[in-house]
Protein backbone atom coordinates (compact mmCIF):
# COMPACT_ATOMS: atom_id res chain seq x y z
CA UNK A 1 -0.12 -0.60 0.69
CA UNK A 2 1.10 3.68 -0.67
CA UNK A 3 1.76 5.91 2.90
CA UNK A 4 -1.24 7.78 2.13
CA UNK A 5 -4.11 4.36 1.91
CA UNK A 6 -2.13 3.09 5.07
CA UNK A 7 -2.86 6.40 7.13
CA UNK A 8 -6.01 6.47 6.01
CA UNK A 9 -6.84 2.70 7.24
CA UNK A 10 -4.97 3.62 10.24
CA UNK A 11 -5.92 7.01 11.09
CA UNK A 12 -2.15 8.47 11.36
CA UNK A 13 -0.68 11.79 9.56
CA UNK A 14 1.11 10.58 6.68
CA UNK A 15 4.36 11.92 7.53
CA UNK A 16 3.95 9.78 11.12
CA UNK A 17 3.56 6.21 8.44
CA UNK A 18 6.49 7.28 6.59
CA UNK A 19 8.74 7.74 9.40
CA UNK A 20 7.30 4.65 10.76
CA UNK A 21 8.45 3.26 8.01
CA UNK A 22 11.95 4.25 8.28
CA UNK A 23 12.55 3.43 11.34
CA UNK A 24 11.35 -1.14 10.17
CA UNK A 25 13.84 -0.41 7.17
CA UNK A 26 16.64 1.51 9.42
CA UNK A 27 16.41 -2.50 11.71
CA UNK A 28 16.61 -4.25 9.20
CA UNK A 29 19.37 -2.82 6.83
CA UNK A 30 21.21 -2.96 10.90
CA UNK A 31 19.96 -6.46 11.27
CA UNK A 32 21.88 -7.68 7.95
CA UNK A 33 24.98 -6.02 9.55
CA UNK A 34 27.87 -4.47 7.16
CA UNK A 35 28.76 -5.47 3.79
CA UNK A 36 31.13 -7.27 2.38
CA UNK A 37 31.47 -8.34 -1.23
CA UNK A 38 32.87 -10.78 -3.32
CA UNK A 39 31.94 -10.09 -6.13
CA UNK A 40 30.09 -5.92 -7.23
CA UNK A 41 27.24 -5.45 -9.65
CA UNK A 42 27.48 -1.72 -10.52
CA UNK A 43 24.46 0.77 -12.10
CA UNK A 44 22.57 4.07 -11.82
CA UNK A 45 18.97 4.92 -11.65
CA UNK A 46 17.65 8.37 -12.74
CA UNK A 47 16.09 10.10 -9.84
CA UNK A 48 15.45 13.53 -11.73
CA UNK A 49 14.80 14.52 -15.39
CA UNK A 50 17.75 15.85 -16.38
CA UNK A 51 20.47 13.33 -16.21
CA UNK A 52 20.44 12.81 -12.10
CA UNK A 53 21.82 10.05 -11.08
CA UNK A 54 22.45 7.84 -8.28
CA UNK A 55 24.90 5.25 -8.36
CA UNK A 56 24.10 1.47 -7.09
CA UNK A 57 25.94 -0.71 -5.56
CA UNK A 58 25.15 -4.75 -5.83
CA UNK A 59 26.16 -7.62 -4.04
CA UNK A 60 26.48 -11.12 -6.31
CA UNK A 61 26.67 -13.65 -4.11
CA UNK A 62 23.79 -12.17 -2.14
CA UNK A 63 21.47 -11.01 -5.17
CA UNK A 64 20.96 -7.94 -3.47
CA UNK A 65 21.78 -4.00 -3.36
CA UNK A 66 24.38 -3.02 -0.78
CA UNK A 67 24.74 0.76 -1.46
CA UNK A 68 22.79 4.13 -3.19
CA UNK A 69 24.30 7.24 -3.60
CA UNK A 70 27.13 9.50 -5.14
CA UNK A 71 24.93 12.86 -6.71
CA UNK A 72 25.82 11.01 -10.74
CA UNK A 73 27.80 8.98 -11.94
CA UNK A 74 30.92 10.71 -11.67
CA UNK A 75 34.11 8.69 -10.72
CA UNK A 76 33.99 10.86 -7.45
CA UNK A 77 30.40 9.26 -6.86
CA UNK A 78 31.77 5.59 -7.06
CA UNK A 79 34.80 6.47 -4.10
CA UNK A 80 32.56 7.07 -1.75
CA UNK A 81 30.88 3.85 -1.63
CA UNK A 82 34.26 2.56 -1.10
CA UNK A 83 35.30 4.91 1.41
CA UNK A 84 32.50 3.60 3.65
CA UNK A 85 33.29 -0.43 2.47
CA UNK A 86 36.90 0.75 3.69
CA UNK A 87 40.31 -0.18 2.62
CA UNK A 88 40.76 -3.66 3.83
CA UNK A 89 36.73 -5.32 2.43
CA UNK A 90 38.14 -3.22 -0.75
CA UNK A 91 41.16 -4.98 -0.83
CA UNK A 92 38.84 -8.72 -0.36
CA UNK A 93 36.92 -7.55 -3.80
CA UNK A 94 37.26 -10.26 -6.25
CA UNK A 95 35.19 -9.13 -9.48
CA UNK A 96 33.01 -6.08 -10.52
CA UNK A 97 29.79 -6.31 -13.49
CA UNK A 98 29.45 -2.88 -14.34
CA UNK A 99 29.08 -1.01 -18.24
CA UNK A 100 31.74 0.22 -19.74
CA UNK A 101 31.92 3.73 -18.08
CA UNK A 102 35.19 4.75 -17.95
CA UNK A 103 34.27 6.89 -14.58
CA UNK A 104 33.63 3.71 -12.92
CA UNK A 105 35.97 1.60 -14.24
CA UNK A 106 39.13 4.46 -12.56
CA UNK A 107 37.72 4.37 -9.02
CA UNK A 108 37.86 0.48 -9.37
CA UNK A 109 41.31 0.84 -9.93
CA UNK A 110 42.04 2.81 -7.80
CA UNK A 111 39.55 1.24 -5.31
CA UNK A 112 40.20 -2.11 -5.76
CA UNK A 113 42.71 -3.07 -7.35
CA UNK A 114 42.63 -6.99 -7.51
CA UNK A 115 39.38 -7.05 -8.48
CA UNK A 116 38.80 -8.10 -11.90
CA UNK A 117 36.41 -6.02 -14.15
CA UNK A 118 33.86 -8.36 -15.89
CA UNK A 119 31.17 -5.79 -18.26
CA UNK A 120 27.71 -6.35 -18.09
CA UNK A 121 26.14 -8.07 -21.23
CA UNK A 122 23.03 -6.58 -20.59
CA UNK A 123 24.53 -3.07 -21.33
CA UNK A 124 26.14 -4.02 -24.19
CA UNK A 125 23.52 -6.17 -25.70
CA UNK A 126 22.36 -2.29 -25.08
CA UNK A 127 24.61 -1.27 -27.44
CA UNK A 128 23.67 -3.57 -30.34
CA UNK A 129 19.98 -2.61 -30.03
CA UNK A 130 20.89 0.87 -30.16
CA UNK A 131 23.00 -0.06 -33.81
CA UNK A 132 19.76 -2.52 -34.85
CA UNK A 133 17.79 0.80 -34.29
CA UNK A 134 19.59 2.80 -35.96
CA UNK A 135 19.70 0.56 -39.04
CA UNK A 136 15.97 0.67 -39.18
CA UNK A 137 15.70 4.59 -39.19
CA UNK A 138 17.97 4.87 -41.46
CA UNK A 139 16.30 2.63 -44.65
CA UNK A 140 13.19 4.19 -42.99
CA UNK A 141 14.64 7.62 -43.94
CA UNK A 142 16.04 5.63 -47.92
CA UNK A 143 12.83 3.63 -48.44
CA UNK A 144 9.50 5.30 -50.10
CA UNK A 145 5.84 3.88 -49.99
CA UNK A 146 5.34 0.38 -49.41
CA UNK A 147 8.84 -0.74 -48.08
CA UNK A 148 8.50 1.97 -45.87
CA UNK A 149 5.52 1.03 -44.06
CA UNK A 150 6.82 -2.59 -43.41
CA UNK A 151 9.38 -0.70 -41.36
CA UNK A 152 6.72 2.31 -39.57
CA UNK A 153 5.52 1.65 -35.86
CA UNK A 154 7.73 -2.03 -36.01
CA UNK A 155 10.36 -0.56 -33.46
CA UNK A 156 9.17 -2.55 -30.49
CA UNK A 157 8.80 -5.48 -32.82
CA UNK A 158 12.13 -5.55 -34.19
CA UNK A 159 13.80 -5.18 -31.00
CA UNK A 160 12.16 -6.88 -28.96
CA UNK A 161 13.27 -10.74 -27.77
CA UNK A 162 11.55 -13.35 -30.34
CA UNK A 163 10.20 -15.35 -27.49
CA UNK A 164 8.65 -12.23 -25.38
CA UNK A 165 6.20 -10.66 -28.81
CA UNK A 166 3.07 -12.07 -29.08
CA UNK A 167 1.62 -14.63 -32.17
CA UNK A 168 0.84 -11.03 -34.52
CA UNK A 169 4.65 -9.60 -33.26
CA UNK A 170 6.14 -12.61 -34.71
CA UNK A 171 4.29 -12.73 -37.50
CA UNK A 172 4.33 -8.65 -38.55
CA UNK A 173 8.65 -9.36 -37.25
CA UNK A 174 8.82 -12.41 -40.28
CA UNK A 175 6.85 -9.77 -42.53
CA UNK A 176 9.53 -6.90 -41.84
CA UNK A 177 12.55 -9.52 -42.80
CA UNK A 178 11.60 -10.75 -45.44
CA UNK A 179 10.93 -7.04 -46.65
CA UNK A 180 13.67 -5.72 -46.10
CA UNK A 181 17.55 -7.34 -46.75
CA UNK A 182 19.53 -5.20 -44.96
CA UNK A 183 16.98 -5.08 -41.87
CA UNK A 184 17.17 -9.29 -41.60
CA UNK A 185 21.48 -9.35 -41.71
CA UNK A 186 20.85 -6.71 -38.77
CA UNK A 187 18.80 -9.05 -37.27
CA UNK A 188 20.39 -12.09 -37.12
CA UNK A 189 23.98 -10.37 -36.17
CA UNK A 190 22.72 -9.18 -33.32
CA UNK A 191 21.00 -12.05 -32.43
CA UNK A 192 24.40 -14.54 -33.27
CA UNK A 193 26.43 -11.79 -30.96
CA UNK A 194 25.05 -13.29 -27.63
CA UNK A 195 26.35 -16.69 -28.03
CA UNK A 196 29.83 -14.45 -27.04
CA UNK A 197 29.00 -15.42 -23.94
CA UNK A 198 28.50 -19.11 -23.97
CA UNK A 199 32.08 -19.25 -24.62
CA UNK A 200 34.41 -21.07 -22.08
CA UNK A 201 37.62 -19.79 -23.39
CA UNK A 202 39.07 -16.48 -24.16
CA UNK A 203 40.79 -17.70 -27.38
CA UNK A 204 37.27 -19.07 -28.78
CA UNK A 205 35.65 -16.32 -27.77
CA UNK A 206 37.62 -13.84 -29.65
CA UNK A 207 37.61 -15.99 -32.85
CA UNK A 208 33.93 -16.59 -32.57
CA UNK A 209 34.48 -12.27 -32.56
CA UNK A 210 36.48 -11.97 -35.37
CA UNK A 211 33.80 -14.31 -37.78
CA UNK A 212 31.38 -12.04 -36.52
CA UNK A 213 33.37 -8.76 -37.55
CA UNK A 214 34.47 -10.36 -40.85
CA UNK A 215 30.72 -10.79 -42.31
CA UNK A 216 30.28 -7.22 -41.41
CA UNK A 217 32.39 -6.61 -44.90
CA UNK A 218 30.38 -5.59 -47.21
CA UNK A 219 26.77 -5.12 -45.50
CA UNK A 220 26.44 -1.41 -45.50
CA UNK A 221 25.67 -1.61 -41.51
CA UNK A 222 27.63 1.46 -40.63
CA UNK A 223 26.46 1.44 -36.71
CA UNK A 224 27.82 -2.63 -36.47
CA UNK A 225 31.38 -1.46 -37.74
CA UNK A 226 30.68 1.30 -35.14
CA UNK A 227 30.01 -0.90 -32.19
CA UNK A 228 32.42 -3.83 -33.19
CA UNK A 229 34.69 -1.36 -33.11
CA UNK A 230 33.83 -0.20 -29.30
CA UNK A 231 34.39 -4.36 -27.92
CA UNK A 232 37.15 -4.41 -29.81
CA UNK A 233 38.38 -1.10 -27.22
CA UNK A 234 36.71 -2.83 -24.20
CA UNK A 235 38.02 -6.87 -25.25
CA UNK A 236 39.59 -7.33 -21.27
CA UNK A 237 36.69 -7.11 -19.84
CA UNK A 238 33.93 -9.30 -21.75
CA UNK A 239 37.11 -11.78 -22.21
CA UNK A 240 37.25 -12.18 -18.08
CA UNK A 241 33.36 -13.25 -18.33
CA UNK A 242 34.78 -16.36 -20.51
CA UNK A 243 37.35 -17.59 -17.25
CA UNK A 244 34.59 -20.32 -15.32
CA UNK A 245 36.34 -18.63 -12.04
CA UNK A 246 34.26 -15.45 -13.73
CA UNK A 247 31.39 -17.54 -14.64
CA UNK A 248 28.61 -14.58 -12.20
CA UNK A 249 25.58 -14.38 -12.95
CA UNK A 250 25.45 -11.31 -14.77
CA UNK A 251 20.93 -12.05 -15.07
CA UNK A 252 21.30 -10.43 -11.17
CA UNK A 253 22.23 -7.05 -12.03
CA UNK A 254 19.28 -6.86 -14.77
CA UNK A 255 16.57 -8.33 -12.07
CA UNK A 256 17.82 -5.53 -9.86
CA UNK A 257 17.73 -2.66 -11.93
CA UNK A 258 13.88 -3.39 -13.18
CA UNK A 259 12.76 -4.40 -8.99
CA UNK A 260 14.42 -1.10 -8.51
CA UNK A 261 12.88 0.78 -11.61
CA UNK A 262 9.02 -0.74 -10.26
CA UNK A 263 10.05 0.80 -6.81
CA UNK A 264 10.41 4.50 -8.25
CA UNK A 265 7.54 4.53 -9.80
CA UNK A 266 5.17 3.24 -7.66
CA UNK A 267 6.63 5.57 -5.25
CA UNK A 268 6.15 8.34 -8.22
CA UNK A 269 9.75 9.92 -7.32
CA UNK A 270 11.24 10.19 -3.97
CA UNK A 271 11.66 13.67 -2.95
CA UNK A 272 13.15 12.01 0.50
CA UNK A 273 16.79 10.32 -0.84
CA UNK A 274 17.30 8.58 2.49
CA UNK A 275 13.99 6.96 2.15
CA UNK A 276 14.09 6.68 -1.13
CA UNK A 277 17.95 4.77 -0.33
CA UNK A 278 16.04 2.52 2.78
CA UNK A 279 13.20 1.42 0.38
CA UNK A 280 16.08 -0.21 -2.33
CA UNK A 281 18.26 -1.67 0.44
CA UNK A 282 15.30 -3.33 2.29
CA UNK A 283 13.35 -4.36 -0.72
CA UNK A 284 15.46 -7.19 -1.00
CA UNK A 285 15.92 -8.65 2.71
CA UNK A 286 14.10 -11.17 4.25
CA UNK A 287 11.49 -9.51 6.54
CA UNK A 288 11.69 -9.10 10.48
CA UNK A 289 10.19 -11.18 12.53
CA UNK A 290 7.31 -9.60 14.41
CA UNK A 291 9.12 -9.89 17.70
CA UNK A 292 12.16 -8.35 16.70
CA UNK A 293 9.91 -5.60 14.01
CA UNK A 294 8.02 -4.41 16.99
CA UNK A 295 10.27 -4.95 19.79
CA UNK A 296 12.31 -0.70 19.75
CA UNK A 297 9.14 0.77 18.28
């Protein structure tokens, strides 16, 4: 329920319900104990319009967020997490899954030099989806008449996973890919690239990537060429995932981010940032027993 609904049922003021909620969540967080992560997931959320971000750090072994903070997505913002954690615990971090944002990498290298970077495949596939969408837009601009009509309004159909589409959506996708050779090629290349994370050796992964990039020749897919160059520049963090000891569940990061966005939407934007921080962290903790929750209150 919303705080307003609870307040109406219990005949309390909205602010009283909020204060009680904060006390309960603070108790939950204290009971969970201080974090000591081995594997981190690093991402950010937008709290307001205008590129106003907060960094979210998750413990990938515990499958829950452990820190929300900063005032943006700069190196100094991620530094605040390590300042909270302390040098000794920071030195014990082994893995960090993140996107290819350079300030976060710089902070990790400075504060947790023993940690190996693993790039989040969902962010990487997001870049590839953007490249596919660029191809779609360029084809729409290039074509006229009936050829253009096949593309109009099909962005969601083209960028969604086939298994997530309805029967009607799959039929529309088939028509679109049959009608436009370049889009069909771009779509198949995007789908095949996902195999990269199945390899267990860097040598095999690199051989696959080289074959994939070679297949771009003569295809006139400039956004894909740009994407391949980006992958080459950041290959170390991609190859790192191929090693068996680095096989962490990158889906955990994406799952946590989706749940956090639901929390934000449910609240229609929290103005009290401490309340938002507690909501995010406490939402993934086990509920306290009734006696433990009610005692200190």
